Amino acid sequence: MEKRKIEEKEYHDFIRDQKLKNNLKEFQYYTSNLKYHSIARKTKLLWEKWLSYECQGKRVLDYCCGDGAVAVKIAKTGVDEIVGIDISGVSIENAKKLSLEEKVDKKTKFMVMDAENMEFEDNYFDIAYEHGALHHLNLEKAYSEIARVLKPNGKFLCVEALGHNPIIQYYREKTPHLRTEYETKHILRKKEIYLAKKYFKKVEILGFFYLFSLLAVPFRNFRIFNVILTILESIDEILLKLPILKWQAWQVVFVLSEPIKNSK
């Protein structure tokens, strides 16, 4: 296994281990960036709606599934089957446990697997989904593998961080305990997203999210938080339509479809 993959595996085994969660002070230190997810309701609403519609009666891949929370949620929406893969064995065990607790284990399967060299046969999945996984991977290998395992009419929903904003990127570089070195250096930019055109005929950006909304984070524990966030979301909704600003957002949601077969 490549050094970067070993580092990814070890980091995510560590961050998702119950031992860390039991140590509140350490857990808060290694997951302090979670506070920014307090504002991420717009993207959550978007991907939940998209998946609940697209996954009905389908075979779905949760690509780099983490602890399996999204896979379990999808399993409750009428999906035929959902398979989650992750390089972290700890994550996969957590996902299996969660699926049993939520009584969806008959529709879910979780496997330790290298996302750049998947063990599935060609044209196996109808839908694939990932949230913040692509920047952990060799992007060409990831795009190629997803294109291979998707059916010709398959779709791949991606929720990703963007790397254009210098302030956000400075924060990433100054908090090395929150991510691996490889991840920090490979946050997606415009050219990496459109690199997907080599493997998919269609790249559709559904939206850019969170620029001024980030200013609401310090108020997340106050009653006025929702009011502040709603106002800032309205500002973002207008300004993130502007070409000069939209790529400065924190997150982007896009869909890849019409996979190009034999694209290796």
C-alpha atoms as a PDB file:
ATOM      1  CA  MET A   1       0.000   0.000   0.000  1.00  0.00           C
ATOM      2  CA  GLU A   2       1.261   3.473  -0.891  1.00  0.00           C
ATOM      3  CA  LYS A   3       2.512   5.670   1.956  1.00  0.00           C
ATOM      4  CA  ARG A   4      -0.274   8.233   1.456  1.00  0.00           C
ATOM      5  CA  LYS A   5      -2.898   5.495   1.687  1.00  0.00           C
ATOM      6  CA  ILE A   6      -1.377   4.101   4.873  1.00  0.00           C
ATOM      7  CA  GLU A   7      -1.467   7.609   6.368  1.00  0.00           C
ATOM      8  CA  GLU A   8      -5.113   8.029   5.352  1.00  0.00           C
ATOM      9  CA  LYS A   9      -6.039   4.656   6.823  1.00  0.00           C
ATOM     10  CA  GLU A  10      -4.212   5.290  10.088  1.00  0.00           C
ATOM     11  CA  TYR A  11      -5.608   8.801  10.453  1.00  0.00           C
ATOM     12  CA  HIS A  12      -9.223   7.755   9.901  1.00  0.00           C
ATOM     13  CA  ASP A  13      -8.864   4.670  12.087  1.00  0.00           C
ATOM     14  CA  PHE A  14      -7.677   7.022  14.829  1.00  0.00           C
ATOM     15  CA  ILE A  15     -10.273   9.759  14.357  1.00  0.00           C
ATOM     16  CA  ARG A  16     -13.207   7.318  14.295  1.00  0.00           C
ATOM     17  CA  ASP A  17     -12.108   5.077  17.142  1.00  0.00           C
ATOM     18  CA  GLN A  18     -14.412   5.028  20.151  1.00  0.00           C
ATOM     19  CA  LYS A  19     -11.370   5.496  22.402  1.00  0.00           C
ATOM     20  CA  LEU A  20     -10.892   8.991  21.007  1.00  0.00           C
ATOM     21  CA  LYS A  21     -14.605   9.796  21.343  1.00  0.00           C
ATOM     22  CA  ASN A  22     -14.438   8.774  24.992  1.00  0.00           C
ATOM     23  CA  ASN A  23     -11.722  11.357  25.615  1.00  0.00           C
ATOM     24  CA  LEU A  24     -13.741  14.542  25.198  1.00  0.00           C
ATOM     25  CA  LYS A  25     -10.827  16.985  25.308  1.00  0.00           C
ATOM     26  CA  GLU A  26      -8.811  15.112  22.674  1.00  0.00           C
ATOM     27  CA  PHE A  27     -11.873  14.458  20.551  1.00  0.00           C
ATOM     28  CA  GLN A  28     -12.722  18.162  20.471  1.00  0.00           C
ATOM     29  CA  TYR A  29      -9.127  18.999  19.534  1.00  0.00           C
ATOM     30  CA  TYR A  30      -8.996  16.568  16.606  1.00  0.00           C
ATOM     31  CA  THR A  31     -12.494  17.426  15.378  1.00  0.00           C
ATOM     32  CA  SER A  32     -12.611  21.176  16.054  1.00  0.00           C
ATOM     33  CA  ASN A  33     -13.394  21.831  12.378  1.00  0.00           C
ATOM     34  CA  LEU A  34     -16.808  20.202  12.883  1.00  0.00           C
ATOM     35  CA  LYS A  35     -18.053  23.557  14.121  1.00  0.00           C
ATOM     36  CA  TYR A  36     -18.131  24.735  10.512  1.00  0.00           C
ATOM     37  CA  HIS A  37     -20.605  22.002   9.660  1.00  0.00           C
ATOM     38  CA  SER A  38     -23.129  23.785  11.872  1.00  0.00           C
ATOM     39  CA  ILE A  39     -23.880  26.048   8.895  1.00  0.00           C
ATOM     40  CA  ALA A  40     -24.011  23.298   6.257  1.00  0.00           C
ATOM     41  CA  ARG A  41     -27.779  22.912   6.128  1.00  0.00           C
ATOM     42  CA  LYS A  42     -28.168  24.046   2.495  1.00  0.00           C
ATOM     43  CA  THR A  43     -25.970  21.311   1.052  1.00  0.00           C
ATOM     44  CA  LYS A  44     -27.474  18.723   3.413  1.00  0.00           C
ATOM     45  CA  LEU A  45     -30.964  19.573   2.200  1.00  0.00           C
ATOM     46  CA  LEU A  46     -29.793  19.372  -1.421  1.00  0.00           C
ATOM     47  CA  TRP A  47     -28.025  16.008  -1.262  1.00  0.00           C
ATOM     48  CA  GLU A  48     -30.746  14.438   0.902  1.00  0.00           C
ATOM     49  CA  LYS A  49     -33.433  15.478  -1.594  1.00  0.00           C
ATOM     50  CA  TRP A  50     -31.348  14.349  -4.583  1.00  0.00           C
ATOM     51  CA  LEU A  51     -30.552  10.952  -3.102  1.00  0.00           C
ATOM     52  CA  SER A  52     -34.085  10.260  -1.859  1.00  0.00           C
ATOM     53  CA  TYR A  53     -35.335  10.839  -5.418  1.00  0.00           C
ATOM     54  CA  GLU A  54     -32.546   9.183  -7.429  1.00  0.00           C
ATOM     55  CA  CYS A  55     -31.971   6.100  -5.286  1.00  0.00           C
ATOM     56  CA  GLN A  56     -35.463   4.601  -5.369  1.00  0.00           C
ATOM     57  CA  GLY A  57     -35.146   0.926  -6.307  1.00  0.00           C
ATOM     58  CA  LYS A  58     -31.468   1.364  -7.220  1.00  0.00           C
ATOM     59  CA  ARG A  59     -28.151  -0.197  -6.280  1.00  0.00           C
ATOM     60  CA  VAL A  60     -26.097   2.575  -4.687  1.00  0.00           C
ATOM     61  CA  LEU A  61     -22.422   3.033  -3.807  1.00  0.00           C
ATOM     62  CA  ASP A  62     -21.481   5.171  -0.811  1.00  0.00           C
ATOM     63  CA  TYR A  63     -17.925   5.946  -1.899  1.00  0.00           C
ATOM     64  CA  CYS A  64     -15.613   6.356   1.119  1.00  0.00           C
ATOM     65  CA  CYS A  65     -18.560   5.953   3.462  1.00  0.00           C
ATOM     66  CA  GLY A  66     -16.923   6.797   6.799  1.00  0.00           C
ATOM     67  CA  ASP A  67     -19.055   5.665   9.732  1.00  0.00           C
ATOM     68  CA  GLY A  68     -21.991   4.902   7.421  1.00  0.00           C
ATOM     69  CA  ALA A  69     -24.470   7.566   8.549  1.00  0.00           C
ATOM     70  CA  VAL A  70     -25.420   8.580   5.006  1.00  0.00           C
ATOM     71  CA  ALA A  71     -25.658   4.989   3.803  1.00  0.00           C
ATOM     72  CA  VAL A  72     -28.019   4.156   6.652  1.00  0.00           C
ATOM     73  CA  LYS A  73     -30.130   7.207   5.828  1.00  0.00           C
ATOM     74  CA  ILE A  74     -30.294   6.216   2.148  1.00  0.00           C
ATOM     75  CA  ALA A  75     -31.234   2.655   3.108  1.00  0.00           C
ATOM     76  CA  LYS A  76     -34.454   4.023   4.592  1.00  0.00           C
ATOM     77  CA  THR A  77     -35.553   5.762   1.365  1.00  0.00           C
ATOM     78  CA  GLY A  78     -36.599   2.796  -0.788  1.00  0.00           C
ATOM     79  CA  VAL A  79     -33.182   1.913  -2.158  1.00  0.00           C
ATOM     80  CA  ASP A  80     -32.724  -1.647  -3.420  1.00  0.00           C
ATOM     81  CA  GLU A  81     -29.224  -2.038  -1.965  1.00  0.00           C
ATOM     82  CA  ILE A  82     -26.477   0.273  -0.747  1.00  0.00           C
ATOM     83  CA  VAL A  83     -22.826  -0.675  -0.498  1.00  0.00           C
ATOM     84  CA  GLY A  84     -20.390   1.436   1.504  1.00  0.00           C
ATOM     85  CA  ILE A  85     -16.629   1.186   1.097  1.00  0.00           C
ATOM     86  CA  ASP A  86     -13.835   2.822   3.059  1.00  0.00           C
ATOM     87  CA  ILE A  87     -10.099   2.300   3.561  1.00  0.00           C
ATOM     88  CA  SER A  88     -10.584   2.542   7.345  1.00  0.00           C
ATOM     89  CA  GLY A  89     -11.452  -0.731   9.033  1.00  0.00           C
ATOM     90  CA  VAL A  90     -12.619   1.135  12.144  1.00  0.00           C
ATOM     91  CA  SER A  91     -15.055   3.143  10.017  1.00  0.00           C
ATOM     92  CA  ILE A  92     -16.459   0.017   8.400  1.00  0.00           C
ATOM     93  CA  GLU A  93     -17.022  -1.655  11.773  1.00  0.00           C
ATOM     94  CA  ASN A  94     -18.804   1.497  12.989  1.00  0.00           C
ATOM     95  CA  ALA A  95     -20.975   1.474   9.852  1.00  0.00           C
ATOM     96  CA  LYS A  96     -21.931  -2.182  10.304  1.00  0.00           C
ATOM     97  CA  LYS A  97     -22.871  -1.540  13.914  1.00  0.00           C
ATOM     98  CA  LEU A  98     -24.982   1.484  12.983  1.00  0.00           C
ATOM     99  CA  SER A  99     -26.841  -0.417  10.264  1.00  0.00           C
ATOM    100  CA  LEU A 100     -27.738  -3.133  12.786  1.00  0.00           C
ATOM    101  CA  GLU A 101     -28.900  -0.567  15.335  1.00  0.00           C
ATOM    102  CA  GLU A 102     -31.063   1.158  12.712  1.00  0.00           C
ATOM    103  CA  LYS A 103     -32.370  -2.197  11.399  1.00  0.00           C
ATOM    104  CA  VAL A 104     -31.281  -1.627   7.808  1.00  0.00           C
ATOM    105  CA  ASP A 105     -28.569  -4.300   7.706  1.00  0.00           C
ATOM    106  CA  LYS A 106     -30.555  -6.322   5.135  1.00  0.00           C
ATOM    107  CA  LYS A 107     -30.191  -3.506   2.606  1.00  0.00           C
ATOM    108  CA  THR A 108     -26.646  -2.425   3.446  1.00  0.00           C
ATOM    109  CA  LYS A 109     -23.210  -3.917   2.948  1.00  0.00           C
ATOM    110  CA  PHE A 110     -19.965  -2.341   4.197  1.00  0.00           C
ATOM    111  CA  MET A 111     -16.529  -3.358   2.979  1.00  0.00           C
ATOM    112  CA  VAL A 112     -12.924  -2.300   3.598  1.00  0.00           C
ATOM    113  CA  MET A 113     -11.682  -1.390   0.142  1.00  0.00           C
ATOM    114  CA  ASP A 114      -9.256   0.800  -1.770  1.00  0.00           C
ATOM    115  CA  ALA A 115     -11.428   3.396  -3.515  1.00  0.00           C
ATOM    116  CA  GLU A 116      -8.904   3.688  -6.345  1.00  0.00           C
ATOM    117  CA  ASN A 117      -8.974  -0.064  -7.064  1.00  0.00           C
ATOM    118  CA  MET A 118     -12.490  -1.281  -6.343  1.00  0.00           C
ATOM    119  CA  GLU A 119     -13.342  -4.959  -6.420  1.00  0.00           C
ATOM    120  CA  PHE A 120     -16.725  -4.564  -8.119  1.00  0.00           C
ATOM    121  CA  GLU A 121     -17.398  -5.674 -11.654  1.00  0.00           C
ATOM    122  CA  ASP A 122     -18.058  -3.163 -14.425  1.00  0.00           C
ATOM    123  CA  ASN A 123     -21.486  -1.476 -14.646  1.00  0.00           C
ATOM    124  CA  TYR A 124     -22.459  -2.634 -11.151  1.00  0.00           C
ATOM    125  CA  PHE A 125     -24.053   0.483  -9.619  1.00  0.00           C
ATOM    126  CA  ASP A 126     -26.885   2.800 -10.639  1.00  0.00           C
ATOM    127  CA  ILE A 127     -25.893   5.654  -8.334  1.00  0.00           C
ATOM    128  CA  ALA A 128     -22.731   6.653  -6.458  1.00  0.00           C
ATOM    129  CA  TYR A 129     -22.325   9.301  -3.780  1.00  0.00           C
ATOM    130  CA  GLU A 130     -19.385  10.878  -1.986  1.00  0.00           C
ATOM    131  CA  HIS A 131     -18.997  13.664   0.551  1.00  0.00           C
ATOM    132  CA  GLY A 132     -15.523  15.158   0.940  1.00  0.00           C
ATOM    133  CA  ALA A 133     -13.690  12.068  -0.290  1.00  0.00           C
ATOM    134  CA  LEU A 134     -12.216  12.997  -3.673  1.00  0.00           C
ATOM    135  CA  HIS A 135      -9.506  15.248  -2.265  1.00  0.00           C
ATOM    136  CA  HIS A 136      -8.142  12.286  -0.309  1.00  0.00           C
ATOM    137  CA  LEU A 137      -7.563  10.315  -3.515  1.00  0.00           C
ATOM    138  CA  ASN A 138      -5.650  10.229  -6.753  1.00  0.00           C
ATOM    139  CA  LEU A 139      -8.370  12.012  -8.686  1.00  0.00           C
ATOM    140  CA  GLU A 140      -7.791  10.401 -12.072  1.00  0.00           C
ATOM    141  CA  LYS A 141      -7.931   6.927 -10.537  1.00  0.00           C
ATOM    142  CA  ALA A 142     -11.070   7.826  -8.573  1.00  0.00           C
ATOM    143  CA  TYR A 143     -12.910   9.250 -11.594  1.00  0.00           C
ATOM    144  CA  SER A 144     -11.840   6.274 -13.721  1.00  0.00           C
ATOM    145  CA  GLU A 145     -13.008   3.710 -11.169  1.00  0.00           C
ATOM    146  CA  ILE A 146     -16.364   5.374 -10.593  1.00  0.00           C
ATOM    147  CA  ALA A 147     -16.929   5.598 -14.362  1.00  0.00           C
ATOM    148  CA  ARG A 148     -16.104   1.891 -14.620  1.00  0.00           C
ATOM    149  CA  VAL A 149     -18.460   0.613 -11.907  1.00  0.00           C
ATOM    150  CA  LEU A 150     -21.401   2.853 -12.845  1.00  0.00           C
ATOM    151  CA  LYS A 151     -23.944   1.704 -15.382  1.00  0.00           C
ATOM    152  CA  PRO A 152     -24.044   3.697 -18.660  1.00  0.00           C
ATOM    153  CA  ASN A 153     -26.974   5.749 -17.312  1.00  0.00           C
ATOM    154  CA  GLY A 154     -25.471   5.991 -13.820  1.00  0.00           C
ATOM    155  CA  LYS A 155     -24.896   9.182 -11.842  1.00  0.00           C
ATOM    156  CA  PHE A 156     -22.290  10.247  -9.290  1.00  0.00           C
ATOM    157  CA  LEU A 157     -23.216  12.935  -6.740  1.00  0.00           C
ATOM    158  CA  CYS A 158     -20.261  14.795  -5.219  1.00  0.00           C
ATOM    159  CA  VAL A 159     -20.191  17.188  -2.262  1.00  0.00           C
ATOM    160  CA  GLU A 160     -16.724  18.702  -2.051  1.00  0.00           C
ATOM    161  CA  ALA A 161     -14.696  21.460  -0.436  1.00  0.00           C
ATOM    162  CA  LEU A 162     -13.100  24.023  -2.747  1.00  0.00           C
ATOM    163  CA  GLY A 163      -9.477  25.136  -2.612  1.00  0.00           C
ATOM    164  CA  HIS A 164      -9.590  28.595  -4.219  1.00  0.00           C
ATOM    165  CA  ASN A 165     -10.297  30.750  -1.163  1.00  0.00           C
ATOM    166  CA  PRO A 166      -6.903  31.802   0.309  1.00  0.00           C
ATOM    167  CA  ILE A 167      -8.318  32.428   3.792  1.00  0.00           C
ATOM    168  CA  ILE A 168      -9.938  28.992   4.020  1.00  0.00           C
ATOM    169  CA  GLN A 169      -6.842  27.349   2.608  1.00  0.00           C
ATOM    170  CA  TYR A 170      -4.620  29.192   5.104  1.00  0.00           C
ATOM    171  CA  TYR A 171      -6.776  27.787   7.922  1.00  0.00           C
ATOM    172  CA  ARG A 172      -6.310  24.273   6.519  1.00  0.00           C
ATOM    173  CA  GLU A 173      -2.553  24.653   6.364  1.00  0.00           C
ATOM    174  CA  LYS A 174      -2.360  25.992   9.930  1.00  0.00           C
ATOM    175  CA  THR A 175      -4.391  23.109  11.422  1.00  0.00           C
ATOM    176  CA  PRO A 176      -2.454  19.977  10.355  1.00  0.00           C
ATOM    177  CA  HIS A 177      -3.942  17.903  13.186  1.00  0.00           C
ATOM    178  CA  LEU A 178      -7.337  18.052  11.444  1.00  0.00           C
ATOM    179  CA  ARG A 179      -6.351  16.298   8.229  1.00  0.00           C
ATOM    180  CA  THR A 180      -3.538  14.499   6.449  1.00  0.00           C
ATOM    181  CA  GLU A 181      -0.890  16.402   4.524  1.00  0.00           C
ATOM    182  CA  TYR A 182      -2.069  14.856   1.255  1.00  0.00           C
ATOM    183  CA  GLU A 183      -5.640  16.018   1.869  1.00  0.00           C
ATOM    184  CA  THR A 184      -4.549  19.595   2.584  1.00  0.00           C
ATOM    185  CA  LYS A 185      -2.652  19.808  -0.694  1.00  0.00           C
ATOM    186  CA  HIS A 186      -5.371  18.270  -2.867  1.00  0.00           C
ATOM    187  CA  ILE A 187      -8.528  20.229  -2.095  1.00  0.00           C
ATOM    188  CA  LEU A 188     -10.416  20.467  -5.375  1.00  0.00           C
ATOM    189  CA  ARG A 189     -10.274  23.478  -7.646  1.00  0.00           C
ATOM    190  CA  LYS A 190     -12.130  24.231 -10.848  1.00  0.00           C
ATOM    191  CA  LYS A 191      -9.685  22.356 -13.071  1.00  0.00           C
ATOM    192  CA  GLU A 192      -9.897  19.219 -10.900  1.00  0.00           C
ATOM    193  CA  ILE A 193     -13.685  19.196 -11.117  1.00  0.00           C
ATOM    194  CA  TYR A 194     -13.653  19.558 -14.893  1.00  0.00           C
ATOM    195  CA  LEU A 195     -10.964  16.900 -15.174  1.00  0.00           C
ATOM    196  CA  ALA A 196     -13.956  14.591 -14.771  1.00  0.00           C
ATOM    197  CA  LYS A 197     -14.870  15.328 -18.411  1.00  0.00           C
ATOM    198  CA  LYS A 198     -12.180  12.834 -19.336  1.00  0.00           C
ATOM    199  CA  TYR A 199     -14.301  10.115 -17.706  1.00  0.00           C
ATOM    200  CA  PHE A 200     -17.862  11.471 -17.860  1.00  0.00           C
ATOM    201  CA  LYS A 201     -19.641  13.170 -20.745  1.00  0.00           C
ATOM    202  CA  LYS A 202     -21.622  15.406 -18.416  1.00  0.00           C
ATOM    203  CA  VAL A 203     -20.436  17.523 -15.468  1.00  0.00           C
ATOM    204  CA  GLU A 204     -23.259  19.496 -13.847  1.00  0.00           C
ATOM    205  CA  ILE A 205     -22.623  21.888 -10.967  1.00  0.00           C
ATOM    206  CA  LEU A 206     -25.712  22.111  -8.759  1.00  0.00           C
ATOM    207  CA  GLY A 207     -24.465  24.999  -6.648  1.00  0.00           C
ATOM    208  CA  PHE A 208     -21.774  26.808  -4.674  1.00  0.00           C
ATOM    209  CA  PHE A 209     -22.266  27.167  -0.925  1.00  0.00           C
ATOM    210  CA  TYR A 210     -20.975  29.043   2.118  1.00  0.00           C
ATOM    211  CA  LEU A 211     -18.914  32.174   1.899  1.00  0.00           C
ATOM    212  CA  PHE A 212     -20.493  34.867   4.048  1.00  0.00           C
ATOM    213  CA  SER A 213     -22.445  32.106   5.829  1.00  0.00           C
ATOM    214  CA  LEU A 214     -19.171  31.159   7.529  1.00  0.00           C
ATOM    215  CA  LEU A 215     -19.515  34.322   9.612  1.00  0.00           C
ATOM    216  CA  ALA A 216     -22.417  32.652  11.445  1.00  0.00           C
ATOM    217  CA  VAL A 217     -20.193  29.920  12.944  1.00  0.00           C
ATOM    218  CA  PRO A 218     -19.192  31.894  16.108  1.00  0.00           C
ATOM    219  CA  PHE A 219     -22.911  32.279  16.919  1.00  0.00           C
ATOM    220  CA  ARG A 220     -23.768  28.574  16.592  1.00  0.00           C
ATOM    221  CA  ASN A 221     -24.510  28.172  20.315  1.00  0.00           C
ATOM    222  CA  PHE A 222     -26.681  31.284  20.564  1.00  0.00           C
ATOM    223  CA  ARG A 223     -30.446  31.538  20.080  1.00  0.00           C
ATOM    224  CA  ILE A 224     -29.960  34.116  17.349  1.00  0.00           C
ATOM    225  CA  PHE A 225     -27.886  31.690  15.266  1.00  0.00           C
ATOM    226  CA  ASN A 226     -30.658  30.639  12.872  1.00  0.00           C
ATOM    227  CA  VAL A 227     -31.616  34.244  12.203  1.00  0.00           C
ATOM    228  CA  ILE A 228     -28.025  35.248  11.458  1.00  0.00           C
ATOM    229  CA  LEU A 229     -27.453  32.181   9.301  1.00  0.00           C
ATOM    230  CA  THR A 230     -30.630  32.760   7.308  1.00  0.00           C
ATOM    231  CA  ILE A 231     -29.582  36.350   6.538  1.00  0.00           C
ATOM    232  CA  LEU A 232     -26.089  35.299   5.501  1.00  0.00           C
ATOM    233  CA  GLU A 233     -27.465  32.449   3.388  1.00  0.00           C
ATOM    234  CA  SER A 234     -29.580  34.984   1.512  1.00  0.00           C
ATOM    235  CA  ILE A 235     -26.474  37.069   0.824  1.00  0.00           C
ATOM    236  CA  ASP A 236     -24.593  33.981  -0.380  1.00  0.00           C
ATOM    237  CA  GLU A 237     -27.481  32.958  -2.609  1.00  0.00           C
ATOM    238  CA  ILE A 238     -27.067  36.215  -4.528  1.00  0.00           C
ATOM    239  CA  LEU A 239     -23.286  36.669  -4.474  1.00  0.00           C
ATOM    240  CA  LEU A 240     -22.315  33.068  -5.190  1.00  0.00           C
ATOM    241  CA  LYS A 241     -23.995  33.335  -8.553  1.00  0.00           C
ATOM    242  CA  LEU A 242     -21.332  35.846  -9.587  1.00  0.00           C
ATOM    243  CA  PRO A 243     -18.457  34.293 -11.600  1.00  0.00           C
ATOM    244  CA  ILE A 244     -15.894  36.369  -9.695  1.00  0.00           C
ATOM    245  CA  LEU A 245     -17.027  35.053  -6.300  1.00  0.00           C
ATOM    246  CA  LYS A 246     -18.581  31.605  -6.682  1.00  0.00           C
ATOM    247  CA  TRP A 247     -15.279  29.698  -6.746  1.00  0.00           C
ATOM    248  CA  GLN A 248     -14.339  31.347  -3.422  1.00  0.00           C
ATOM    249  CA  ALA A 249     -17.079  29.357  -1.672  1.00  0.00           C
ATOM    250  CA  TRP A 250     -16.299  26.675   0.870  1.00  0.00           C
ATOM    251  CA  GLN A 251     -18.297  23.882  -0.798  1.00  0.00           C
ATOM    252  CA  VAL A 252     -19.593  22.844  -4.210  1.00  0.00           C
ATOM    253  CA  VAL A 253     -22.109  20.172  -5.194  1.00  0.00           C
ATOM    254  CA  PHE A 254     -21.877  18.571  -8.622  1.00  0.00           C
ATOM    255  CA  VAL A 255     -23.134  15.545 -10.530  1.00  0.00           C
ATOM    256  CA  LEU A 256     -21.149  13.430 -12.990  1.00  0.00           C
ATOM    257  CA  SER A 257     -23.143  11.342 -15.457  1.00  0.00           C
ATOM    258  CA  GLU A 258     -22.891   9.451 -18.736  1.00  0.00           C
ATOM    259  CA  PRO A 259     -19.679   7.621 -17.792  1.00  0.00           C
ATOM    260  CA  ILE A 260     -17.208   7.030 -20.599  1.00  0.00           C
ATOM    261  CA  LYS A 261     -16.414   3.332 -20.714  1.00  0.00           C
ATOM    262  CA  ASN A 262     -12.923   1.909 -21.333  1.00  0.00           C
ATOM    263  CA  SER A 263     -11.519   5.320 -20.318  1.00  0.00           C
ATOM    264  CA  LYS A 264      -8.385   4.045 -18.579  1.00  0.00           C
END
